[in-house]
PDB file of N, CA and C in Angstrom:
ATOM      1  N   MET A   1      83.789  91.595 141.163  1.00  0.00           N
ATOM      2  CA  MET A   1      85.007  92.282 140.805  1.00  0.00           C
ATOM      3  C   MET A   1      84.727  93.112 139.553  1.00  0.00           C
ATOM      4  N   THR A   2      85.172  94.346 139.562  1.00  0.00           N
ATOM      5  CA  THR A   2      84.927  95.241 138.435  1.00  0.00           C
ATOM      6  C   THR A   2      85.856  94.889 137.266  1.00  0.00           C
ATOM      7  N   PRO A   3      85.480  95.283 136.053  1.00  0.00           N
ATOM      8  CA  PRO A   3      86.356  95.038 134.894  1.00  0.00           C
ATOM      9  C   PRO A   3      87.741  95.663 135.057  1.00  0.00           C
ATOM     10  N   LEU A   4      87.804  96.804 135.711  1.00  0.00           N
ATOM     11  CA  LEU A   4      89.096  97.452 135.951  1.00  0.00           C
ATOM     12  C   LEU A   4      89.969  96.594 136.876  1.00  0.00           C
ATOM     13  N   GLU A   5      89.368  96.045 137.924  1.00  0.00           N
ATOM     14  CA  GLU A   5      90.113  95.174 138.832  1.00  0.00           C
ATOM     15  C   GLU A   5      90.559  93.892 138.129  1.00  0.00           C
ATOM     16  N   ILE A   6      89.687  93.354 137.285  1.00  0.00           N
ATOM     17  CA  ILE A   6      90.037  92.148 136.533  1.00  0.00           C
ATOM     18  C   ILE A   6      91.245  92.417 135.647  1.00  0.00           C
ATOM     19  N   ASN A   7      91.237  93.543 134.948  1.00  0.00           N
ATOM     20  CA  ASN A   7      92.373  93.907 134.099  1.00  0.00           C
ATOM     21  C   ASN A   7      93.642  94.100 134.919  1.00  0.00           C
ATOM     22  N   GLU A   8      93.497  94.712 136.088  1.00  0.00           N
ATOM     23  CA  GLU A   8      94.648  94.936 136.955  1.00  0.00           C
ATOM     24  C   GLU A   8      95.250  93.598 137.409  1.00  0.00           C
ATOM     25  N   PHE A   9      94.398  92.663 137.824  1.00  0.00           N
ATOM     26  CA  PHE A   9      94.900  91.376 138.281  1.00  0.00           C
ATOM     27  C   PHE A   9      95.486  90.560 137.133  1.00  0.00           C
ATOM     28  N   GLN A  10      94.889  90.654 135.953  1.00  0.00           N
ATOM     29  CA  GLN A  10      95.470  89.968 134.797  1.00  0.00           C
ATOM     30  C   GLN A  10      96.874  90.504 134.515  1.00  0.00           C
ATOM     31  N   ALA A  11      97.033  91.813 134.587  1.00  0.00           N
ATOM     32  CA  ALA A  11      98.341  92.415 134.349  1.00  0.00           C
ATOM     33  C   ALA A  11      99.345  91.989 135.420  1.00  0.00           C
ATOM     34  N   LEU A  12      98.917  91.950 136.677  1.00  0.00           N
ATOM     35  CA  LEU A  12      99.799  91.524 137.756  1.00  0.00           C
ATOM     36  C   LEU A  12     100.219  90.062 137.593  1.00  0.00           C
ATOM     37  N   ILE A  13      99.279  89.225 137.225  1.00  0.00           N
ATOM     38  CA  ILE A  13      99.583  87.801 137.049  1.00  0.00           C
ATOM     39  C   ILE A  13     100.531  87.602 135.876  1.00  0.00           C
ATOM     40  N   HIS A  14     100.275  88.289 134.770  1.00  0.00           N
ATOM     41  CA  HIS A  14     101.164  88.161 133.602  1.00  0.00           C
ATOM     42  C   HIS A  14     102.559  88.687 133.920  1.00  0.00           C
ATOM     43  N   ALA A  15     102.647  89.756 134.691  1.00  0.00           N
ATOM     44  CA  ALA A  15     103.957  90.289 135.091  1.00  0.00           C
ATOM     45  C   ALA A  15     104.708  89.275 135.951  1.00  0.00           C
ATOM     46  N   ARG A  16     104.017  88.621 136.868  1.00  0.00           N
ATOM     47  CA  ARG A  16     104.660  87.615 137.722  1.00  0.00           C
ATOM     48  C   ARG A  16     105.095  86.407 136.903  1.00  0.00           C
ATOM     49  N   LEU A  17     104.270  85.997 135.929  1.00  0.00           N
ATOM     50  CA  LEU A  17     104.655  84.899 135.052  1.00  0.00           C
ATOM     51  C   LEU A  17     105.928  85.239 134.283  1.00  0.00           C
ATOM     52  N   GLN A  18     106.047  86.471 133.824  1.00  0.00           N
ATOM     53  CA  GLN A  18     107.249  86.901 133.117  1.00  0.00           C
ATOM     54  C   GLN A  18     108.468  86.877 134.042  1.00  0.00           C
ATOM     55  N   GLU A  19     108.278  87.310 135.288  1.00  0.00           N
ATOM     56  CA  GLU A  19     109.371  87.263 136.267  1.00  0.00           C
ATOM     57  C   GLU A  19     109.850  85.830 136.475  1.00  0.00           C
ATOM     58  N   LEU A  20     108.909  84.903 136.563  1.00  0.00           N
ATOM     59  CA  LEU A  20     109.269  83.497 136.755  1.00  0.00           C
ATOM     60  C   LEU A  20     110.028  82.951 135.550  1.00  0.00           C
ATOM     61  N   GLN A  21     109.622  83.336 134.348  1.00  0.00           N
ATOM     62  CA  GLN A  21     110.331  82.895 133.147  1.00  0.00           C
ATOM     63  C   GLN A  21     111.747  83.462 133.120  1.00  0.00           C
ATOM     64  N   ASP A  22     111.897  84.715 133.519  1.00  0.00           N
ATOM     65  CA  ASP A  22     113.219  85.333 133.577  1.00  0.00           C
ATOM     66  C   ASP A  22     114.103  84.626 134.605  1.00  0.00           C
ATOM     67  N   GLU A  23     113.537  84.301 135.765  1.00  0.00           N
ATOM     68  CA  GLU A  23     114.293  83.583 136.794  1.00  0.00           C
ATOM     69  C   GLU A  23     114.702  82.196 136.303  1.00  0.00           C
ATOM     70  N   ASN A  24     113.818  81.528 135.568  1.00  0.00           N
ATOM     71  CA  ASN A  24     114.148  80.208 135.024  1.00  0.00           C
ATOM     72  C   ASN A  24     115.303  80.304 134.035  1.00  0.00           C
ATOM     73  N   ALA A  25     115.308  81.342 133.222  1.00  0.00           N
ATOM     74  CA  ALA A  25     116.386  81.524 132.256  1.00  0.00           C
ATOM     75  C   ALA A  25     117.719  81.740 132.971  1.00  0.00           C
ATOM     76  N   LEU A  26     117.709  82.494 134.043  1.00  0.00           N
ATOM     77  CA  LEU A  26     118.938  82.733 134.798  1.00  0.00           C
ATOM     78  C   LEU A  26     119.420  81.479 135.520  1.00  0.00           C
ATOM     79  N   GLY A  27     118.491  80.625 135.934  1.00  0.00           N
ATOM     80  CA  GLY A  27     118.837  79.445 136.719  1.00  0.00           C
ATOM     81  C   GLY A  27     119.269  78.239 135.906  1.00  0.00           C
ATOM     82  N   LYS A  28     119.210  78.323 134.579  1.00  0.00           N
ATOM     83  CA  LYS A  28     119.545  77.162 133.739  1.00  0.00           C
ATOM     84  C   LYS A  28     120.989  76.704 133.945  1.00  0.00           C
ATOM     85  N   GLU A  29     121.912  77.638 134.103  1.00  0.00           N
ATOM     86  CA  GLU A  29     123.320  77.270 134.285  1.00  0.00           C
ATOM     87  C   GLU A  29     123.516  76.472 135.576  1.00  0.00           C
ATOM     88  N   GLY A  30     122.811  76.846 136.621  1.00  0.00           N
ATOM     89  CA  GLY A  30     122.940  76.148 137.896  1.00  0.00           C
ATOM     90  C   GLY A  30     122.346  74.753 137.879  1.00  0.00           C
ATOM     91  N   GLN A  31     121.456  74.490 136.911  1.00  0.00           N
ATOM     92  CA  GLN A  31     120.824  73.176 136.830  1.00  0.00           C
ATOM     93  C   GLN A  31     121.613  72.210 135.958  1.00  0.00           C
ATOM     94  N   ALA A  32     122.686  72.699 135.354  1.00  0.00           N
ATOM     95  CA  ALA A  32     123.471  71.860 134.450  1.00  0.00           C
ATOM     96  C   ALA A  32     124.085  70.685 135.207  1.00  0.00           C
ATOM     97  N   ILE A  33     124.346  69.621 134.474  1.00  0.00           N
ATOM     98  CA  ILE A  33     124.935  68.416 135.057  1.00  0.00           C
ATOM     99  C   ILE A  33     126.362  68.704 135.496  1.00  0.00           C
ATOM    100  N   VAL A  34     126.710  68.246 136.680  1.00  0.00           N
ATOM    101  CA  VAL A  34     128.052  68.431 137.222  1.00  0.00           C
ATOM    102  C   VAL A  34     128.944  67.324 136.677  1.00  0.00           C
ATOM    103  N   THR A  35     130.082  67.728 136.094  1.00  0.00           N
ATOM    104  CA  THR A  35     130.987  66.740 135.511  1.00  0.00           C
ATOM    105  C   THR A  35     131.755  65.994 136.601  1.00  0.00           C
ATOM    106  N   LEU A  36     132.241  64.815 136.251  1.00  0.00           N
ATOM    107  CA  LEU A  36     132.928  63.953 137.207  1.00  0.00           C
ATOM    108  C   LEU A  36     134.449  64.036 137.100  1.00  0.00           C
ATOM    109  N   ASP A  37     134.978  64.994 136.411  1.00  0.00           N
ATOM    110  CA  ASP A  37     136.421  65.116 136.238  1.00  0.00           C
ATOM    111  C   ASP A  37     137.061  65.517 137.560  1.00  0.00           C
ATOM    112  N   GLN A  38     137.627  64.556 138.269  1.00  0.00           N
ATOM    113  CA  GLN A  38     138.197  64.802 139.595  1.00  0.00           C
ATOM    114  C   GLN A  38     139.477  65.629 139.539  1.00  0.00           C
ATOM    115  N   GLN A  39     140.147  65.692 138.387  1.00  0.00           N
ATOM    116  CA  GLN A  39     141.385  66.453 138.297  1.00  0.00           C
ATOM    117  C   GLN A  39     141.129  67.941 138.133  1.00  0.00           C
ATOM    118  N   SER A  40     140.038  68.292 137.493  1.00  0.00           N
ATOM    119  CA  SER A  40     139.758  69.721 137.294  1.00  0.00           C
ATOM    120  C   SER A  40     138.966  70.320 138.447  1.00  0.00           C
ATOM    121  N   VAL A  41     138.242  69.489 139.168  1.00  0.00           N
ATOM    122  CA  VAL A  41     137.434  69.970 140.288  1.00  0.00           C
ATOM    123  C   VAL A  41     137.733  69.085 141.498  1.00  0.00           C
ATOM    124  N   GLY A  42     138.095  69.693 142.599  1.00  0.00           N
ATOM    125  CA  GLY A  42     138.362  68.935 143.811  1.00  0.00           C
ATOM    126  C   GLY A  42     137.086  68.347 144.383  1.00  0.00           C
ATOM    127  N   ARG A  43     137.263  67.427 145.346  1.00  0.00           N
ATOM    128  CA  ARG A  43     136.105  66.750 145.920  1.00  0.00           C
ATOM    129  C   ARG A  43     135.138  67.726 146.588  1.00  0.00           C
ATOM    130  N   LEU A  44     135.678  68.676 147.369  1.00  0.00           N
ATOM    131  CA  LEU A  44     134.807  69.635 148.052  1.00  0.00           C
ATOM    132  C   LEU A  44     134.144  70.584 147.061  1.00  0.00           C
ATOM    133  N   SER A  45     134.881  70.978 146.038  1.00  0.00           N
ATOM    134  CA  SER A  45     134.295  71.853 145.021  1.00  0.00           C
ATOM    135  C   SER A  45     133.174  71.138 144.283  1.00  0.00           C
ATOM    136  N   ARG A  46     133.384  69.841 144.013  1.00  0.00           N
ATOM    137  CA  ARG A  46     132.343  69.063 143.329  1.00  0.00           C
ATOM    138  C   ARG A  46     131.111  68.918 144.215  1.00  0.00           C
ATOM    139  N   MET A  47     131.322  68.688 145.507  1.00  0.00           N
ATOM    140  CA  MET A  47     130.195  68.576 146.433  1.00  0.00           C
ATOM    141  C   MET A  47     129.426  69.893 146.493  1.00  0.00           C
ATOM    142  N   ASP A  48     130.162  70.995 146.490  1.00  0.00           N
ATOM    143  CA  ASP A  48     129.521  72.310 146.485  1.00  0.00           C
ATOM    144  C   ASP A  48     128.722  72.508 145.205  1.00  0.00           C
ATOM    145  N   ALA A  49     129.289  72.085 144.073  1.00  0.00           N
ATOM    146  CA  ALA A  49     128.583  72.203 142.792  1.00  0.00           C
ATOM    147  C   ALA A  49     127.317  71.347 142.783  1.00  0.00           C
ATOM    148  N   LEU A  50     127.400  70.144 143.354  1.00  0.00           N
ATOM    149  CA  LEU A  50     126.218  69.276 143.421  1.00  0.00           C
ATOM    150  C   LEU A  50     125.138  69.887 144.304  1.00  0.00           C
ATOM    151  N   GLN A  51     125.552  70.492 145.414  1.00  0.00           N
ATOM    152  CA  GLN A  51     124.588  71.138 146.304  1.00  0.00           C
ATOM    153  C   GLN A  51     123.924  72.324 145.604  1.00  0.00           C
ATOM    154  N   ASN A  52     124.726  73.111 144.882  1.00  0.00           N
ATOM    155  CA  ASN A  52     124.169  74.245 144.135  1.00  0.00           C
ATOM    156  C   ASN A  52     123.195  73.769 143.063  1.00  0.00           C
ATOM    157  N   GLN A  53     123.535  72.656 142.417  1.00  0.00           N
ATOM    158  CA  GLN A  53     122.646  72.102 141.403  1.00  0.00           C
ATOM    159  C   GLN A  53     121.318  71.669 142.029  1.00  0.00           C
ATOM    160  N   ALA A  54     121.381  71.011 143.179  1.00  0.00           N
ATOM    161  CA  ALA A  54     120.160  70.568 143.859  1.00  0.00           C
ATOM    162  C   ALA A  54     119.295  71.759 144.261  1.00  0.00           C
ATOM    163  N   MET A  55     119.936  72.820 144.744  1.00  0.00           N
ATOM    164  CA  MET A  55     119.184  74.022 145.117  1.00  0.00           C
ATOM    165  C   MET A  55     118.550  74.671 143.888  1.00  0.00           C
ATOM    166  N   ALA A  56     119.286  74.721 142.774  1.00  0.00           N
ATOM    167  CA  ALA A  56     118.741  75.303 141.546  1.00  0.00           C
ATOM    168  C   ALA A  56     117.550  74.490 141.051  1.00  0.00           C
ATOM    169  N   ASN A  57     117.648  73.169 141.144  1.00  0.00           N
ATOM    170  CA  ASN A  57     116.530  72.316 140.723  1.00  0.00           C
ATOM    171  C   ASN A  57     115.315  72.501 141.626  1.00  0.00           C
ATOM    172  N   ALA A  58     115.550  72.648 142.928  1.00  0.00           N
ATOM    173  CA  ALA A  58     114.441  72.870 143.865  1.00  0.00           C
ATOM    174  C   ALA A  58     113.767  74.209 143.596  1.00  0.00           C
ATOM    175  N   GLN A  59     114.563  75.225 143.309  1.00  0.00           N
ATOM    176  CA  GLN A  59     113.983  76.529 142.982  1.00  0.00           C
ATOM    177  C   GLN A  59     113.178  76.453 141.693  1.00  0.00           C
ATOM    178  N   ARG A  60     113.662  75.694 140.717  1.00  0.00           N
ATOM    179  CA  ARG A  60     112.940  75.528 139.454  1.00  0.00           C
ATOM    180  C   ARG A  60     111.588  74.852 139.715  1.00  0.00           C
ATOM    181  N   THR A  61     111.580  73.848 140.572  1.00  0.00           N
ATOM    182  CA  THR A  61     110.334  73.152 140.911  1.00  0.00           C
ATOM    183  C   THR A  61     109.350  74.113 141.567  1.00  0.00           C
ATOM    184  N   ARG A  62     109.844  74.946 142.485  1.00  0.00           N
ATOM    185  CA  ARG A  62     108.989  75.926 143.158  1.00  0.00           C
ATOM    186  C   ARG A  62     108.419  76.919 142.152  1.00  0.00           C
ATOM    187  N   ARG A  63     109.252  77.380 141.221  1.00  0.00           N
ATOM    188  CA  ARG A  63     108.769  78.329 140.199  1.00  0.00           C
ATOM    189  C   ARG A  63     107.738  77.669 139.287  1.00  0.00           C
ATOM    190  N   ASP A  64     107.970  76.402 138.922  1.00  0.00           N
ATOM    191  CA  ASP A  64     107.006  75.684 138.073  1.00  0.00           C
ATOM    192  C   ASP A  64     105.658  75.544 138.773  1.00  0.00           C
ATOM    193  N   GLN A  65     105.684  75.250 140.076  1.00  0.00           N
ATOM    194  CA  GLN A  65     104.437  75.122 140.834  1.00  0.00           C
ATOM    195  C   GLN A  65     103.710  76.468 140.896  1.00  0.00           C
ATOM    196  N   GLU A  66     104.461  77.538 141.146  1.00  0.00           N
ATOM    197  CA  GLU A  66     103.830  78.856 141.200  1.00  0.00           C
ATOM    198  C   GLU A  66     103.264  79.238 139.837  1.00  0.00           C
ATOM    199  N   GLU A  67     103.985  78.910 138.774  1.00  0.00           N
ATOM    200  CA  GLU A  67     103.496  79.198 137.426  1.00  0.00           C
ATOM    201  C   GLU A  67     102.179  78.469 137.163  1.00  0.00           C
ATOM    202  N   HIS A  68     102.106  77.217 137.574  1.00  0.00           N
ATOM    203  CA  HIS A  68     100.872  76.445 137.408  1.00  0.00           C
ATOM    204  C   HIS A  68      99.709  77.102 138.165  1.00  0.00           C
ATOM    205  N   LEU A  69      99.967  77.526 139.406  1.00  0.00           N
ATOM    206  CA  LEU A  69      98.928  78.170 140.205  1.00  0.00           C
ATOM    207  C   LEU A  69      98.514  79.518 139.614  1.00  0.00           C
ATOM    208  N   LEU A  70      99.450  80.230 139.017  1.00  0.00           N
ATOM    209  CA  LEU A  70      99.114  81.506 138.370  1.00  0.00           C
ATOM    210  C   LEU A  70      98.233  81.277 137.142  1.00  0.00           C
ATOM    211  N   HIS A  71      98.505  80.209 136.401  1.00  0.00           N
ATOM    212  CA  HIS A  71      97.638  79.891 135.256  1.00  0.00           C
ATOM    213  C   HIS A  71      96.233  79.510 135.727  1.00  0.00           C
ATOM    214  N   GLN A  72      96.154  78.828 136.867  1.00  0.00           N
ATOM    215  CA  GLN A  72      94.841  78.522 137.429  1.00  0.00           C
ATOM    216  C   GLN A  72      94.122  79.810 137.839  1.00  0.00           C
ATOM    217  N   ALA A  73      94.864  80.766 138.387  1.00  0.00           N
ATOM    218  CA  ALA A  73      94.275  82.049 138.780  1.00  0.00           C
ATOM    219  C   ALA A  73      93.749  82.777 137.551  1.00  0.00           C
ATOM    220  N   LEU A  74      94.492  82.729 136.443  1.00  0.00           N
ATOM    221  CA  LEU A  74      94.004  83.345 135.202  1.00  0.00           C
ATOM    222  C   LEU A  74      92.714  82.673 134.730  1.00  0.00           C
ATOM    223  N   ALA A  75      92.647  81.362 134.852  1.00  0.00           N
ATOM    224  CA  ALA A  75      91.430  80.638 134.465  1.00  0.00           C
ATOM    225  C   ALA A  75      90.259  81.049 135.351  1.00  0.00           C
ATOM    226  N   ARG A  76      90.515  81.227 136.664  1.00  0.00           N
ATOM    227  CA  ARG A  76      89.447  81.676 137.565  1.00  0.00           C
ATOM    228  C   ARG A  76      88.998  83.085 137.205  1.00  0.00           C
ATOM    229  N   LEU A  77      89.907  83.927 136.762  1.00  0.00           N
ATOM    230  CA  LEU A  77      89.523  85.275 136.316  1.00  0.00           C
ATOM    231  C   LEU A  77      88.601  85.185 135.105  1.00  0.00           C
ATOM    232  N   GLN A  78      88.931  84.297 134.172  1.00  0.00           N
ATOM    233  CA  GLN A  78      88.112  84.122 132.970  1.00  0.00           C
ATOM    234  C   GLN A  78      86.714  83.616 133.321  1.00  0.00           C
ATOM    235  N   GLU A  79      86.642  82.762 134.342  1.00  0.00           N
ATOM    236  CA  GLU A  79      85.365  82.152 134.736  1.00  0.00           C
ATOM    237  C   GLU A  79      84.619  82.972 135.782  1.00  0.00           C
ATOM    238  N   ASP A  80      85.173  84.120 136.145  1.00  0.00           N
ATOM    239  CA  ASP A  80      84.598  85.016 137.150  1.00  0.00           C
ATOM    240  C   ASP A  80      84.526  84.360 138.529  1.00  0.00           C
ATOM    241  N   ASP A  81      85.497  83.470 138.816  1.00  0.00           N
ATOM    242  CA  ASP A  81      85.592  82.835 140.130  1.00  0.00           C
ATOM    243  C   ASP A  81      86.740  83.395 140.959  1.00  0.00           C
ATOM    244  N   TYR A  82      87.532  84.272 140.381  1.00  0.00           N
ATOM    245  CA  TYR A  82      88.709  84.806 141.071  1.00  0.00           C
ATOM    246  C   TYR A  82      88.263  85.770 142.170  1.00  0.00           C
ATOM    247  N   GLY A  83      88.900  85.649 143.313  1.00  0.00           N
ATOM    248  CA  GLY A  83      88.601  86.564 144.415  1.00  0.00           C
ATOM    249  C   GLY A  83      87.548  86.059 145.379  1.00  0.00           C
ATOM    250  N   TYR A  84      87.105  84.822 145.178  1.00  0.00           N
ATOM    251  CA  TYR A  84      86.128  84.219 146.084  1.00  0.00           C
ATOM    252  C   TYR A  84      86.772  83.034 146.793  1.00  0.00           C
ATOM    253  N   CYS A  85      86.511  82.910 148.077  1.00  0.00           N
ATOM    254  CA  CYS A  85      87.070  81.820 148.877  1.00  0.00           C
ATOM    255  C   CYS A  85      86.509  80.489 148.383  1.00  0.00           C
ATOM    256  N   GLU A  86      87.396  79.525 148.166  1.00  0.00           N
ATOM    257  CA  GLU A  86      86.941  78.215 147.686  1.00  0.00           C
ATOM    258  C   GLU A  86      86.249  77.406 148.770  1.00  0.00           C
ATOM    259  N   ASP A  87      86.418  77.798 150.038  1.00  0.00           N
ATOM    260  CA  ASP A  87      85.775  77.068 151.131  1.00  0.00           C
ATOM    261  C   ASP A  87      84.407  77.657 151.479  1.00  0.00           C
ATOM    262  N   CYS A  88      84.379  78.959 151.777  1.00  0.00           N
ATOM    263  CA  CYS A  88      83.126  79.563 152.255  1.00  0.00           C
ATOM    264  C   CYS A  88      82.418  80.415 151.199  1.00  0.00           C
ATOM    265  N   GLY A  89      83.103  80.773 150.126  1.00  0.00           N
ATOM    266  CA  GLY A  89      82.483  81.557 149.063  1.00  0.00           C
ATOM    267  C   GLY A  89      82.513  83.053 149.278  1.00  0.00           C
ATOM    268  N   ASP A  90      83.026  83.511 150.416  1.00  0.00           N
ATOM    269  CA  ASP A  90      83.113  84.958 150.671  1.00  0.00           C
ATOM    270  C   ASP A  90      84.177  85.598 149.779  1.00  0.00           C
ATOM    271  N   ASP A  91      84.075  86.919 149.656  1.00  0.00           N
ATOM    272  CA  ASP A  91      85.081  87.662 148.906  1.00  0.00           C
ATOM    273  C   ASP A  91      86.418  87.617 149.633  1.00  0.00           C
ATOM    274  N   ILE A  92      87.488  87.431 148.852  1.00  0.00           N
ATOM    275  CA  ILE A  92      88.841  87.565 149.394  1.00  0.00           C
ATOM    276  C   ILE A  92      89.209  89.034 149.213  1.00  0.00           C
ATOM    277  N   PRO A  93      89.644  89.712 150.271  1.00  0.00           N
ATOM    278  CA  PRO A  93      89.960  91.134 150.145  1.00  0.00           C
ATOM    279  C   PRO A  93      90.992  91.406 149.038  1.00  0.00           C
ATOM    280  N   THR A  94      90.786  92.496 148.330  1.00  0.00           N
ATOM    281  CA  THR A  94      91.675  92.868 147.227  1.00  0.00           C
ATOM    282  C   THR A  94      93.112  93.017 147.699  1.00  0.00           C
ATOM    283  N   ALA A  95      93.306  93.567 148.884  1.00  0.00           N
ATOM    284  CA  ALA A  95      94.667  93.728 149.407  1.00  0.00           C
ATOM    285  C   ALA A  95      95.358  92.373 149.561  1.00  0.00           C
ATOM    286  N   ARG A  96      94.616  91.371 150.013  1.00  0.00           N
ATOM    287  CA  ARG A  96      95.187  90.023 150.160  1.00  0.00           C
ATOM    288  C   ARG A  96      95.541  89.458 148.792  1.00  0.00           C
ATOM    289  N   LEU A  97      94.688  89.653 147.815  1.00  0.00           N
ATOM    290  CA  LEU A  97      94.962  89.140 146.476  1.00  0.00           C
ATOM    291  C   LEU A  97      96.167  89.829 145.854  1.00  0.00           C
ATOM    292  N   LYS A  98      96.339  91.110 146.134  1.00  0.00           N
ATOM    293  CA  LYS A  98      97.505  91.813 145.580  1.00  0.00           C
ATOM    294  C   LYS A  98      98.800  91.304 146.202  1.00  0.00           C
ATOM    295  N   LEU A  99      98.743  90.894 147.460  1.00  0.00           N
ATOM    296  CA  LEU A  99      99.928  90.340 148.110  1.00  0.00           C
ATOM    297  C   LEU A  99     100.189  88.901 147.686  1.00  0.00           C
ATOM    298  N   ASN A 100      99.113  88.158 147.433  1.00  0.00           N
ATOM    299  CA  ASN A 100      99.225  86.750 147.069  1.00  0.00           C
ATOM    300  C   ASN A 100      98.257  86.482 145.925  1.00  0.00           C
ATOM    301  N   LEU A 101      98.748  86.615 144.700  1.00  0.00           N
ATOM    302  CA  LEU A 101      97.894  86.497 143.519  1.00  0.00           C
ATOM    303  C   LEU A 101      97.234  85.138 143.381  1.00  0.00           C
ATOM    304  N   ILE A 102      97.782  84.128 144.047  1.00  0.00           N
ATOM    305  CA  ILE A 102      97.247  82.769 143.908  1.00  0.00           C
ATOM    306  C   ILE A 102      96.390  82.351 145.091  1.00  0.00           C
ATOM    307  N   ALA A 103      96.038  83.312 145.960  1.00  0.00           N
ATOM    308  CA  ALA A 103      95.210  82.994 147.130  1.00  0.00           C
ATOM    309  C   ALA A 103      93.854  82.465 146.686  1.00  0.00           C
ATOM    310  N   THR A 104      93.438  81.379 147.311  1.00  0.00           N
ATOM    311  CA  THR A 104      92.131  80.793 146.985  1.00  0.00           C
ATOM    312  C   THR A 104      91.219  80.736 148.207  1.00  0.00           C
ATOM    313  N   ARG A 105      91.732  81.215 149.343  1.00  0.00           N
ATOM    314  CA  ARG A 105      90.939  81.199 150.582  1.00  0.00           C
ATOM    315  C   ARG A 105      91.014  82.541 151.263  1.00  0.00           C
ATOM    316  N   CYS A 106      89.942  82.885 151.958  1.00  0.00           N
ATOM    317  CA  CYS A 106      89.940  84.099 152.777  1.00  0.00           C
ATOM    318  C   CYS A 106      90.820  83.829 154.003  1.00  0.00           C
ATOM    319  N   ILE A 107      91.119  84.858 154.737  1.00  0.00           N
ATOM    320  CA  ILE A 107      92.019  84.722 155.883  1.00  0.00           C
ATOM    321  C   ILE A 107      91.445  83.784 156.937  1.00  0.00           C
ATOM    322  N   SER A 108      90.153  83.901 157.218  1.00  0.00           N
ATOM    323  CA  SER A 108      89.582  83.060 158.279  1.00  0.00           C
ATOM    324  C   SER A 108      89.595  81.580 157.887  1.00  0.00           C
ATOM    325  N   CYS A 109      89.329  81.249 156.637  1.00  0.00           N
ATOM    326  CA  CYS A 109      89.377  79.845 156.210  1.00  0.00           C
ATOM    327  C   CYS A 109      90.824  79.339 156.115  1.00  0.00           C
ATOM    328  N   ALA A 110      91.726  80.209 155.691  1.00  0.00           N
ATOM    329  CA  ALA A 110      93.130  79.800 155.577  1.00  0.00           C
ATOM    330  C   ALA A 110      93.764  79.565 156.941  1.00  0.00           C
ATOM    331  N   SER A 111      93.332  80.319 157.935  1.00  0.00           N
ATOM    332  CA  SER A 111      93.929  80.172 159.264  1.00  0.00           C
ATOM    333  C   SER A 111      93.190  79.158 160.133  1.00  0.00           C
ATOM    334  N   GLY A 112      92.010  78.776 159.727  1.00  0.00           N
ATOM    335  CA  GLY A 112      91.220  77.856 160.552  1.00  0.00           C
ATOM    336  C   GLY A 112      91.258  76.505 160.029  1.00  0.00           C
TER     337      GLY A 112
END
């Protein structure tokens, strides 16, 4: 991978990390604890709030996992291992990496 490509992928990864942080900031309200005051919130409204809270927490977990994988991708860039299939060692096409910054396998290994 050329130094220009390395810089491009670092910028893409950092941009995605920033997007995830922004999404986490927006999702904090949805993760808040649902109060048990039955007089201010009806039973169905409370159930809806609990469901929304569960969905917000699941999305937060997904973002945290992606953030972890993006940090691993940055480490692979530093170690000059980024862009190589972890199974067969072949190059992962640049187009695939641009679509999936955390890809660690070539298409044939990922599908087989």
